[in-house]
């Protein structure tokens, strides 16, 4: 589902041209954030609520990780009611840093199913 940039619930994010490689790589360096990005990539553009991720962290820590990802330009977040919905900015990342996201995701080990 494409998100309109003028959506009133859209949270602040950098424009594609403003994405910085150092900030993107810093955000991806954390295993939790890398897992969030991998999970979003796996669903192929489908929006996911923050609470739909099975992460071994507190809600406040989860909020921090999503904010870092959004401020680095890796994800887009918008409010839907009381929820924050997330999508991966794959096209924006591919435009700014061709092949980066694919290379990083190819190196992510698979998370075993429970």
Protein backbone atom coordinates (compact mmCIF):
# COMPACT_ATOMS: atom_id res chain seq x y z
CA UNK A 1 0.00 0.00 0.00
CA UNK A 2 1.51 3.28 -1.08
CA UNK A 3 1.46 6.06 1.48
CA UNK A 4 0.64 9.59 0.33
CA UNK A 5 3.43 11.96 1.44
CA UNK A 6 0.71 14.44 2.46
CA UNK A 7 -0.91 11.86 4.79
CA UNK A 8 -1.70 13.68 8.06
CA UNK A 9 -0.45 10.70 10.11
CA UNK A 10 2.91 10.43 8.29
CA UNK A 11 5.80 10.81 10.73
CA UNK A 12 8.85 12.95 9.77
CA UNK A 13 11.43 11.27 7.58
CA UNK A 14 14.29 12.43 5.35
CA UNK A 15 13.64 12.91 1.65
CA UNK A 16 15.29 10.37 -0.66
CA UNK A 17 17.99 12.85 -1.71
CA UNK A 18 18.77 13.52 1.97
CA UNK A 19 19.45 9.88 2.90
CA UNK A 20 22.96 9.57 4.33
CA UNK A 21 24.94 6.35 3.96
CA UNK A 22 26.50 6.67 7.43
CA UNK A 23 23.08 6.98 9.11
CA UNK A 24 21.63 4.08 7.10
CA UNK A 25 24.58 1.81 7.92
CA UNK A 26 24.51 2.85 11.59
CA UNK A 27 20.81 1.96 11.79
CA UNK A 28 21.44 -1.40 10.12
CA UNK A 29 24.38 -2.21 12.43
CA UNK A 30 22.06 -3.08 15.31
CA UNK A 31 20.77 -6.70 15.19
CA UNK A 32 17.23 -5.74 16.30
CA UNK A 33 16.93 -3.02 13.66
CA UNK A 34 18.40 -5.30 11.02
CA UNK A 35 15.79 -7.92 11.94
CA UNK A 36 13.00 -5.34 11.62
CA UNK A 37 14.24 -4.34 8.17
CA UNK A 38 14.56 -8.00 7.12
CA UNK A 39 11.02 -8.72 8.35
CA UNK A 40 9.64 -5.73 6.43
CA UNK A 41 11.54 -6.77 3.30
CA UNK A 42 10.13 -10.30 3.62
CA UNK A 43 6.53 -9.07 3.42
CA UNK A 44 7.19 -7.14 0.22
CA UNK A 45 5.72 -3.72 0.89
CA UNK A 46 2.90 -4.77 3.18
CA UNK A 47 2.40 -2.43 6.14
CA UNK A 48 3.09 -3.93 9.54
CA UNK A 49 2.06 -2.58 12.93
CA UNK A 50 4.95 -2.12 15.38
CA UNK A 51 3.44 -4.74 17.68
CA UNK A 52 3.34 -7.39 14.94
CA UNK A 53 7.10 -7.91 15.28
CA UNK A 54 8.12 -10.67 17.68
CA UNK A 55 11.09 -8.94 19.30
CA UNK A 56 12.71 -9.81 22.64
CA UNK A 57 12.67 -6.17 23.83
CA UNK A 58 10.42 -3.82 25.79
CA UNK A 59 7.88 -1.58 24.08
CA UNK A 60 9.92 1.55 24.87
CA UNK A 61 13.06 0.01 23.37
CA UNK A 62 11.06 -1.05 20.33
CA UNK A 63 9.87 2.54 19.91
CA UNK A 64 13.50 3.70 19.99
CA UNK A 65 14.55 1.22 17.28
CA UNK A 66 11.68 2.19 14.98
CA UNK A 67 12.52 5.89 15.45
CA UNK A 68 16.18 5.28 14.53
CA UNK A 69 15.11 3.40 11.40
CA UNK A 70 12.64 6.13 10.40
CA UNK A 71 15.07 8.98 11.02
CA UNK A 72 17.75 7.18 8.98
CA UNK A 73 15.26 6.82 6.12
CA UNK A 74 14.96 3.03 6.12
CA UNK A 75 11.28 2.87 7.02
CA UNK A 76 8.18 4.99 6.58
CA UNK A 77 5.81 5.25 9.54
CA UNK A 78 2.31 6.64 9.71
CA UNK A 79 -0.32 6.62 12.36
CA UNK A 80 -3.51 4.66 11.86
CA UNK A 81 -5.68 5.22 14.89
CA UNK A 82 -3.53 4.31 17.88
CA UNK A 83 -1.15 2.19 15.81
CA UNK A 84 2.04 3.05 13.96
CA UNK A 85 2.21 1.30 10.62
CA UNK A 86 5.59 0.59 9.02
CA UNK A 87 6.81 -0.01 5.49
CA UNK A 88 10.33 -0.42 4.16
CA UNK A 89 11.49 2.42 1.90
CA UNK A 90 13.06 -0.08 -0.51
CA UNK A 91 12.56 2.00 -3.67
CA UNK A 92 13.99 5.13 -2.03
CA UNK A 93 17.01 3.21 -0.75
CA UNK A 94 17.57 1.59 -4.16
CA UNK A 95 17.43 5.00 -5.83
CA UNK A 96 19.93 6.56 -3.44
CA UNK A 97 22.19 3.54 -2.79
CA UNK A 98 21.70 0.97 -5.59
CA UNK A 99 22.20 -2.62 -4.41
CA UNK A 100 22.87 -1.75 -0.76
CA UNK A 101 19.68 -3.10 0.75
CA UNK A 102 19.81 -6.31 -1.28
CA UNK A 103 23.45 -6.89 -0.28
CA UNK A 104 22.75 -6.34 3.40
CA UNK A 105 19.66 -8.54 3.39
CA UNK A 106 21.50 -11.33 1.54
CA UNK A 107 23.94 -11.49 4.47
CA UNK A 108 21.24 -11.70 7.17
CA UNK A 109 21.04 -15.20 8.63
CA UNK A 110 17.60 -16.78 8.58
CA UNK A 111 15.74 -16.70 11.88
CA UNK A 112 14.70 -20.25 12.77
CA UNK A 113 10.96 -20.85 13.10
CA UNK A 114 9.70 -21.73 16.58
